[in-house]
Amino acid sequence: MYTFKKMNSPIGPLFIVCDDKSLVSILFDEKELFDKYHSVTIDEDSDYAMCAMVEEQLTEYFNGERMEFSIPMNMHGTPFQMEVWNALCDIPYGTVKSYQEIAVEINRPLAVRAVGQANRRNSLPIIIPCHRVIGKNQALVGYAGDKIGMKEQLLKLEGVR
Protein backbone atom coordinates (compact mmCIF):
# COMPACT_ATOMS: atom_id res chain seq x y z
CA MET A 1 0.00 0.00 0.00
CA TYR A 2 1.25 3.46 -0.87
CA THR A 3 0.27 6.75 0.63
CA PHE A 4 0.99 10.16 -0.74
CA LYS A 5 1.20 13.72 0.43
CA LYS A 6 1.03 16.85 -1.68
CA MET A 7 3.61 19.43 -0.68
CA ASN A 8 3.79 22.99 -1.89
CA SER A 9 7.37 24.02 -2.57
CA PRO A 10 9.24 26.94 -4.13
CA ILE A 11 9.52 24.92 -7.37
CA GLY A 12 5.82 24.02 -7.44
CA PRO A 13 3.75 21.18 -6.04
CA LEU A 14 5.51 17.94 -5.14
CA PHE A 15 3.70 14.64 -4.71
CA ILE A 16 5.50 12.47 -2.17
CA VAL A 17 4.74 8.73 -2.44
CA CYS A 18 5.72 6.43 0.42
CA ASP A 19 5.16 2.96 1.69
CA ASP A 20 5.19 2.37 5.43
CA LYS A 21 9.01 2.12 5.57
CA SER A 22 10.46 4.32 2.83
CA LEU A 23 10.16 7.02 0.22
CA VAL A 24 9.10 5.51 -3.10
CA SER A 25 8.77 8.50 -5.43
CA ILE A 26 8.59 12.26 -5.75
CA LEU A 27 6.52 13.50 -8.67
CA PHE A 28 5.93 16.96 -10.06
CA ASP A 29 2.31 16.67 -11.18
CA GLU A 30 -0.87 15.01 -10.03
CA LYS A 31 -1.66 13.37 -13.37
CA GLU A 32 1.71 11.61 -13.31
CA LEU A 33 0.94 10.46 -9.75
CA PHE A 34 -2.32 8.80 -10.68
CA ASP A 35 -1.01 7.45 -13.99
CA LYS A 36 1.88 5.77 -12.22
CA TYR A 37 0.18 4.73 -8.98
CA HIS A 38 -3.37 3.67 -9.79
CA SER A 39 -3.74 2.18 -6.34
CA VAL A 40 -2.46 5.04 -4.18
CA THR A 41 -4.37 4.96 -0.93
CA ILE A 42 -5.86 8.19 0.25
CA ASP A 43 -7.00 7.36 3.75
CA GLU A 44 -7.19 9.99 6.48
CA ASP A 45 -6.59 7.29 9.10
CA SER A 46 -3.41 6.02 7.42
CA ASP A 47 -0.03 6.47 9.04
CA TYR A 48 1.58 9.29 7.09
CA ALA A 49 4.70 9.33 9.27
CA MET A 50 7.06 8.55 6.39
CA CYS A 51 5.54 11.15 4.06
CA ALA A 52 5.59 13.70 6.90
CA MET A 53 9.29 13.01 7.53
CA VAL A 54 10.07 13.50 3.82
CA GLU A 55 8.07 16.74 3.74
CA GLU A 56 9.88 18.01 6.84
CA GLN A 57 13.33 17.31 5.37
CA LEU A 58 12.38 18.83 2.01
CA THR A 59 11.06 21.94 3.78
CA GLU A 60 14.37 22.24 5.65
CA TYR A 61 16.20 21.87 2.32
CA PHE A 62 14.12 24.58 0.65
CA ASN A 63 14.68 26.84 3.68
CA GLY A 64 18.46 26.40 3.35
CA GLU A 65 18.66 24.46 6.62
CA ARG A 66 19.49 21.01 5.23
CA MET A 67 22.22 19.93 2.83
CA GLU A 68 21.84 16.14 3.08
CA PHE A 69 18.83 13.89 3.46
CA SER A 70 18.42 10.99 5.86
CA ILE A 71 15.39 9.33 4.36
CA PRO A 72 14.99 5.59 3.80
CA MET A 73 14.59 5.16 0.04
CA ASN A 74 12.96 2.39 -1.97
CA MET A 75 14.93 2.63 -5.22
CA HIS A 76 14.13 0.34 -8.13
CA GLY A 77 16.19 0.29 -11.29
CA THR A 78 18.64 -1.62 -13.40
CA PRO A 79 22.12 -2.23 -12.01
CA PHE A 80 23.40 0.56 -14.30
CA GLN A 81 20.75 3.00 -13.08
CA MET A 82 21.59 2.16 -9.47
CA GLU A 83 25.29 2.87 -10.18
CA VAL A 84 24.40 6.26 -11.63
CA TRP A 85 22.00 7.15 -8.81
CA ASN A 86 24.58 6.18 -6.18
CA ALA A 87 27.12 8.41 -7.94
CA LEU A 88 24.60 11.28 -7.90
CA CYS A 89 24.20 10.89 -4.15
CA ASP A 90 27.93 11.58 -3.81
CA ILE A 91 27.70 15.01 -5.48
CA PRO A 92 27.97 17.50 -2.61
CA TYR A 93 25.37 20.18 -2.00
CA GLY A 94 26.16 23.32 -3.96
CA THR A 95 28.31 21.64 -6.60
CA VAL A 96 27.67 20.21 -10.04
CA LYS A 97 29.18 17.52 -12.23
CA SER A 98 28.76 16.84 -15.92
CA TYR A 99 27.15 13.75 -17.39
CA GLN A 100 30.63 12.93 -18.71
CA GLU A 101 32.16 13.13 -15.23
CA ILE A 102 29.53 10.76 -13.85
CA ALA A 103 30.15 8.31 -16.71
CA VAL A 104 33.88 8.35 -15.96
CA GLU A 105 33.28 7.94 -12.21
CA ILE A 106 31.28 4.76 -12.76
CA ASN A 107 33.99 3.44 -15.13
CA ARG A 108 31.82 3.78 -18.24
CA PRO A 109 33.29 6.79 -20.03
CA LEU A 110 31.34 6.14 -23.24
CA ALA A 111 27.97 5.93 -21.46
CA VAL A 112 27.27 9.66 -21.28
CA ARG A 113 23.83 9.40 -22.92
CA ALA A 114 22.96 6.39 -20.80
CA VAL A 115 23.81 8.43 -17.70
CA GLY A 116 21.36 11.03 -18.95
CA GLN A 117 18.68 8.38 -19.39
CA ALA A 118 19.32 7.02 -15.90
CA ASN A 119 18.91 10.56 -14.55
CA ARG A 120 15.62 10.82 -16.41
CA ARG A 121 14.39 7.63 -14.72
CA ASN A 122 15.29 8.86 -11.23
CA SER A 123 12.07 8.56 -9.25
CA LEU A 124 13.49 10.46 -6.26
CA PRO A 125 14.46 13.87 -7.65
CA ILE A 126 15.96 16.34 -5.17
CA ILE A 127 16.72 13.50 -2.73
CA ILE A 128 18.86 11.80 -5.39
CA PRO A 129 20.20 15.09 -6.76
CA CYS A 130 19.99 14.67 -10.53
CA HIS A 131 19.59 18.46 -10.70
CA ARG A 132 23.32 18.69 -9.91
CA VAL A 133 24.24 17.11 -13.25
CA ILE A 134 24.83 19.50 -16.12
CA GLY A 135 26.17 19.40 -19.67
CA LYS A 136 29.89 19.27 -20.38
CA ASN A 137 29.69 22.86 -21.64
CA GLN A 138 28.09 23.94 -18.30
CA ALA A 139 24.61 24.08 -19.89
CA LEU A 140 21.54 23.25 -17.84
CA VAL A 141 20.11 20.35 -19.79
CA GLY A 142 17.75 17.48 -19.18
CA TYR A 143 15.73 17.85 -16.00
CA ALA A 144 12.47 15.96 -15.65
CA GLY A 145 11.72 16.36 -19.32
CA ASP A 146 10.83 20.03 -19.77
CA LYS A 147 11.53 21.29 -16.26
CA ILE A 148 14.88 23.04 -16.76
CA GLY A 149 13.51 26.02 -14.80
CA MET A 150 13.17 23.79 -11.74
CA LYS A 151 16.76 22.62 -12.14
CA GLU A 152 17.89 26.23 -12.31
CA GLN A 153 15.90 27.12 -9.17
CA LEU A 154 17.34 24.17 -7.23
CA LEU A 155 20.89 25.03 -8.21
CA LYS A 156 20.34 28.69 -7.35
CA LEU A 157 18.96 27.62 -3.95
CA GLU A 158 22.19 25.68 -3.39
CA GLY A 159 24.30 28.68 -4.39
CA VAL A 160 25.48 27.32 -7.75
CA ARG A 161 26.13 30.04 -10.32
C-alpha atoms as a PDB file:
ATOM      1  CA  MET A   1       0.000   0.000   0.000  1.00  0.00           C
ATOM      2  CA  TYR A   2       1.248   3.460  -0.875  1.00  0.00           C
ATOM      3  CA  THR A   3       0.269   6.753   0.635  1.00  0.00           C
ATOM      4  CA  PHE A   4       0.986  10.164  -0.744  1.00  0.00           C
ATOM      5  CA  LYS A   5       1.205  13.723   0.429  1.00  0.00           C
ATOM      6  CA  LYS A   6       1.029  16.849  -1.682  1.00  0.00           C
ATOM      7  CA  MET A   7       3.606  19.425  -0.684  1.00  0.00           C
ATOM      8  CA  ASN A   8       3.791  22.994  -1.887  1.00  0.00           C
ATOM      9  CA  SER A   9       7.368  24.020  -2.571  1.00  0.00           C
ATOM     10  CA  PRO A  10       9.243  26.940  -4.134  1.00  0.00           C
ATOM     11  CA  ILE A  11       9.517  24.924  -7.370  1.00  0.00           C
ATOM     12  CA  GLY A  12       5.815  24.024  -7.442  1.00  0.00           C
ATOM     13  CA  PRO A  13       3.753  21.176  -6.038  1.00  0.00           C
ATOM     14  CA  LEU A  14       5.512  17.936  -5.137  1.00  0.00           C
ATOM     15  CA  PHE A  15       3.704  14.644  -4.706  1.00  0.00           C
ATOM     16  CA  ILE A  16       5.501  12.466  -2.166  1.00  0.00           C
ATOM     17  CA  VAL A  17       4.745   8.734  -2.444  1.00  0.00           C
ATOM     18  CA  CYS A  18       5.719   6.433   0.418  1.00  0.00           C
ATOM     19  CA  ASP A  19       5.157   2.962   1.689  1.00  0.00           C
ATOM     20  CA  ASP A  20       5.189   2.374   5.434  1.00  0.00           C
ATOM     21  CA  LYS A  21       9.011   2.119   5.575  1.00  0.00           C
ATOM     22  CA  SER A  22      10.457   4.316   2.833  1.00  0.00           C
ATOM     23  CA  LEU A  23      10.163   7.024   0.223  1.00  0.00           C
ATOM     24  CA  VAL A  24       9.096   5.515  -3.100  1.00  0.00           C
ATOM     25  CA  SER A  25       8.770   8.497  -5.428  1.00  0.00           C
ATOM     26  CA  ILE A  26       8.589  12.262  -5.748  1.00  0.00           C
ATOM     27  CA  LEU A  27       6.521  13.497  -8.672  1.00  0.00           C
ATOM     28  CA  PHE A  28       5.927  16.958 -10.063  1.00  0.00           C
ATOM     29  CA  ASP A  29       2.311  16.674 -11.178  1.00  0.00           C
ATOM     30  CA  GLU A  30      -0.872  15.005 -10.027  1.00  0.00           C
ATOM     31  CA  LYS A  31      -1.655  13.371 -13.374  1.00  0.00           C
ATOM     32  CA  GLU A  32       1.711  11.611 -13.307  1.00  0.00           C
ATOM     33  CA  LEU A  33       0.940  10.460  -9.750  1.00  0.00           C
ATOM     34  CA  PHE A  34      -2.320   8.796 -10.677  1.00  0.00           C
ATOM     35  CA  ASP A  35      -1.011   7.447 -13.988  1.00  0.00           C
ATOM     36  CA  LYS A  36       1.884   5.769 -12.220  1.00  0.00           C
ATOM     37  CA  TYR A  37       0.178   4.728  -8.976  1.00  0.00           C
ATOM     38  CA  HIS A  38      -3.372   3.675  -9.787  1.00  0.00           C
ATOM     39  CA  SER A  39      -3.740   2.183  -6.336  1.00  0.00           C
ATOM     40  CA  VAL A  40      -2.463   5.041  -4.184  1.00  0.00           C
ATOM     41  CA  THR A  41      -4.371   4.960  -0.935  1.00  0.00           C
ATOM     42  CA  ILE A  42      -5.858   8.190   0.255  1.00  0.00           C
ATOM     43  CA  ASP A  43      -7.000   7.362   3.751  1.00  0.00           C
ATOM     44  CA  GLU A  44      -7.190   9.990   6.476  1.00  0.00           C
ATOM     45  CA  ASP A  45      -6.585   7.293   9.098  1.00  0.00           C
ATOM     46  CA  SER A  46      -3.405   6.024   7.421  1.00  0.00           C
ATOM     47  CA  ASP A  47      -0.035   6.466   9.036  1.00  0.00           C
ATOM     48  CA  TYR A  48       1.581   9.286   7.088  1.00  0.00           C
ATOM     49  CA  ALA A  49       4.698   9.331   9.266  1.00  0.00           C
ATOM     50  CA  MET A  50       7.065   8.545   6.390  1.00  0.00           C
ATOM     51  CA  CYS A  51       5.537  11.155   4.061  1.00  0.00           C
ATOM     52  CA  ALA A  52       5.586  13.699   6.899  1.00  0.00           C
ATOM     53  CA  MET A  53       9.288  13.014   7.532  1.00  0.00           C
ATOM     54  CA  VAL A  54      10.066  13.500   3.824  1.00  0.00           C
ATOM     55  CA  GLU A  55       8.073  16.738   3.743  1.00  0.00           C
ATOM     56  CA  GLU A  56       9.883  18.006   6.843  1.00  0.00           C
ATOM     57  CA  GLN A  57      13.329  17.313   5.368  1.00  0.00           C
ATOM     58  CA  LEU A  58      12.376  18.831   2.006  1.00  0.00           C
ATOM     59  CA  THR A  59      11.063  21.936   3.782  1.00  0.00           C
ATOM     60  CA  GLU A  60      14.367  22.238   5.648  1.00  0.00           C
ATOM     61  CA  TYR A  61      16.202  21.869   2.320  1.00  0.00           C
ATOM     62  CA  PHE A  62      14.116  24.583   0.650  1.00  0.00           C
ATOM     63  CA  ASN A  63      14.685  26.845   3.676  1.00  0.00           C
ATOM     64  CA  GLY A  64      18.463  26.396   3.346  1.00  0.00           C
ATOM     65  CA  GLU A  65      18.664  24.463   6.622  1.00  0.00           C
ATOM     66  CA  ARG A  66      19.489  21.009   5.228  1.00  0.00           C
ATOM     67  CA  MET A  67      22.217  19.925   2.828  1.00  0.00           C
ATOM     68  CA  GLU A  68      21.836  16.137   3.077  1.00  0.00           C
ATOM     69  CA  PHE A  69      18.826  13.890   3.457  1.00  0.00           C
ATOM     70  CA  SER A  70      18.424  10.990   5.858  1.00  0.00           C
ATOM     71  CA  ILE A  71      15.392   9.325   4.358  1.00  0.00           C
ATOM     72  CA  PRO A  72      14.991   5.590   3.802  1.00  0.00           C
ATOM     73  CA  MET A  73      14.588   5.155   0.038  1.00  0.00           C
ATOM     74  CA  ASN A  74      12.965   2.389  -1.972  1.00  0.00           C
ATOM     75  CA  MET A  75      14.932   2.632  -5.222  1.00  0.00           C
ATOM     76  CA  HIS A  76      14.133   0.336  -8.128  1.00  0.00           C
ATOM     77  CA  GLY A  77      16.193   0.293 -11.289  1.00  0.00           C
ATOM     78  CA  THR A  78      18.635  -1.623 -13.397  1.00  0.00           C
ATOM     79  CA  PRO A  79      22.122  -2.231 -12.013  1.00  0.00           C
ATOM     80  CA  PHE A  80      23.403   0.558 -14.301  1.00  0.00           C
ATOM     81  CA  GLN A  81      20.746   3.003 -13.076  1.00  0.00           C
ATOM     82  CA  MET A  82      21.593   2.158  -9.472  1.00  0.00           C
ATOM     83  CA  GLU A  83      25.289   2.871 -10.181  1.00  0.00           C
ATOM     84  CA  VAL A  84      24.404   6.257 -11.627  1.00  0.00           C
ATOM     85  CA  TRP A  85      22.004   7.149  -8.812  1.00  0.00           C
ATOM     86  CA  ASN A  86      24.577   6.183  -6.183  1.00  0.00           C
ATOM     87  CA  ALA A  87      27.120   8.413  -7.936  1.00  0.00           C
ATOM     88  CA  LEU A  88      24.597  11.275  -7.896  1.00  0.00           C
ATOM     89  CA  CYS A  89      24.199  10.889  -4.146  1.00  0.00           C
ATOM     90  CA  ASP A  90      27.933  11.575  -3.815  1.00  0.00           C
ATOM     91  CA  ILE A  91      27.703  15.007  -5.478  1.00  0.00           C
ATOM     92  CA  PRO A  92      27.968  17.502  -2.610  1.00  0.00           C
ATOM     93  CA  TYR A  93      25.372  20.183  -2.004  1.00  0.00           C
ATOM     94  CA  GLY A  94      26.163  23.323  -3.964  1.00  0.00           C
ATOM     95  CA  THR A  95      28.310  21.638  -6.600  1.00  0.00           C
ATOM     96  CA  VAL A  96      27.670  20.208 -10.042  1.00  0.00           C
ATOM     97  CA  LYS A  97      29.178  17.516 -12.233  1.00  0.00           C
ATOM     98  CA  SER A  98      28.761  16.836 -15.918  1.00  0.00           C
ATOM     99  CA  TYR A  99      27.153  13.755 -17.386  1.00  0.00           C
ATOM    100  CA  GLN A 100      30.630  12.925 -18.712  1.00  0.00           C
ATOM    101  CA  GLU A 101      32.162  13.130 -15.232  1.00  0.00           C
ATOM    102  CA  ILE A 102      29.527  10.756 -13.855  1.00  0.00           C
ATOM    103  CA  ALA A 103      30.148   8.312 -16.712  1.00  0.00           C
ATOM    104  CA  VAL A 104      33.878   8.349 -15.961  1.00  0.00           C
ATOM    105  CA  GLU A 105      33.276   7.936 -12.207  1.00  0.00           C
ATOM    106  CA  ILE A 106      31.282   4.762 -12.755  1.00  0.00           C
ATOM    107  CA  ASN A 107      33.985   3.440 -15.130  1.00  0.00           C
ATOM    108  CA  ARG A 108      31.820   3.775 -18.239  1.00  0.00           C
ATOM    109  CA  PRO A 109      33.288   6.786 -20.026  1.00  0.00           C
ATOM    110  CA  LEU A 110      31.342   6.142 -23.242  1.00  0.00           C
ATOM    111  CA  ALA A 111      27.972   5.927 -21.463  1.00  0.00           C
ATOM    112  CA  VAL A 112      27.266   9.660 -21.281  1.00  0.00           C
ATOM    113  CA  ARG A 113      23.828   9.404 -22.917  1.00  0.00           C
ATOM    114  CA  ALA A 114      22.957   6.388 -20.796  1.00  0.00           C
ATOM    115  CA  VAL A 115      23.814   8.429 -17.697  1.00  0.00           C
ATOM    116  CA  GLY A 116      21.360  11.033 -18.946  1.00  0.00           C
ATOM    117  CA  GLN A 117      18.677   8.385 -19.394  1.00  0.00           C
ATOM    118  CA  ALA A 118      19.317   7.023 -15.905  1.00  0.00           C
ATOM    119  CA  ASN A 119      18.908  10.561 -14.553  1.00  0.00           C
ATOM    120  CA  ARG A 120      15.624  10.820 -16.412  1.00  0.00           C
ATOM    121  CA  ARG A 121      14.395   7.630 -14.724  1.00  0.00           C
ATOM    122  CA  ASN A 122      15.294   8.864 -11.235  1.00  0.00           C
ATOM    123  CA  SER A 123      12.070   8.563  -9.250  1.00  0.00           C
ATOM    124  CA  LEU A 124      13.490  10.457  -6.259  1.00  0.00           C
ATOM    125  CA  PRO A 125      14.457  13.873  -7.646  1.00  0.00           C
ATOM    126  CA  ILE A 126      15.957  16.339  -5.169  1.00  0.00           C
ATOM    127  CA  ILE A 127      16.723  13.501  -2.733  1.00  0.00           C
ATOM    128  CA  ILE A 128      18.863  11.804  -5.385  1.00  0.00           C
ATOM    129  CA  PRO A 129      20.202  15.086  -6.758  1.00  0.00           C
ATOM    130  CA  CYS A 130      19.986  14.668 -10.526  1.00  0.00           C
ATOM    131  CA  HIS A 131      19.590  18.455 -10.702  1.00  0.00           C
ATOM    132  CA  ARG A 132      23.317  18.686  -9.907  1.00  0.00           C
ATOM    133  CA  VAL A 133      24.240  17.108 -13.250  1.00  0.00           C
ATOM    134  CA  ILE A 134      24.833  19.499 -16.121  1.00  0.00           C
ATOM    135  CA  GLY A 135      26.165  19.401 -19.667  1.00  0.00           C
ATOM    136  CA  LYS A 136      29.890  19.270 -20.382  1.00  0.00           C
ATOM    137  CA  ASN A 137      29.687  22.859 -21.636  1.00  0.00           C
ATOM    138  CA  GLN A 138      28.090  23.939 -18.301  1.00  0.00           C
ATOM    139  CA  ALA A 139      24.608  24.081 -19.886  1.00  0.00           C
ATOM    140  CA  LEU A 140      21.539  23.251 -17.838  1.00  0.00           C
ATOM    141  CA  VAL A 141      20.114  20.346 -19.787  1.00  0.00           C
ATOM    142  CA  GLY A 142      17.750  17.480 -19.181  1.00  0.00           C
ATOM    143  CA  TYR A 143      15.729  17.849 -15.998  1.00  0.00           C
ATOM    144  CA  ALA A 144      12.469  15.960 -15.653  1.00  0.00           C
ATOM    145  CA  GLY A 145      11.721  16.365 -19.323  1.00  0.00           C
ATOM    146  CA  ASP A 146      10.831  20.030 -19.769  1.00  0.00           C
ATOM    147  CA  LYS A 147      11.526  21.291 -16.264  1.00  0.00           C
ATOM    148  CA  ILE A 148      14.881  23.044 -16.756  1.00  0.00           C
ATOM    149  CA  GLY A 149      13.512  26.018 -14.800  1.00  0.00           C
ATOM    150  CA  MET A 150      13.173  23.788 -11.735  1.00  0.00           C
ATOM    151  CA  LYS A 151      16.762  22.623 -12.135  1.00  0.00           C
ATOM    152  CA  GLU A 152      17.889  26.234 -12.314  1.00  0.00           C
ATOM    153  CA  GLN A 153      15.903  27.116  -9.171  1.00  0.00           C
ATOM    154  CA  LEU A 154      17.341  24.167  -7.225  1.00  0.00           C
ATOM    155  CA  LEU A 155      20.892  25.026  -8.214  1.00  0.00           C
ATOM    156  CA  LYS A 156      20.339  28.686  -7.351  1.00  0.00           C
ATOM    157  CA  LEU A 157      18.955  27.621  -3.953  1.00  0.00           C
ATOM    158  CA  GLU A 158      22.191  25.678  -3.386  1.00  0.00           C
ATOM    159  CA  GLY A 159      24.302  28.679  -4.387  1.00  0.00           C
ATOM    160  CA  VAL A 160      25.485  27.319  -7.748  1.00  0.00           C
ATOM    161  CA  ARG A 161      26.135  30.036 -10.324  1.00  0.00           C
END
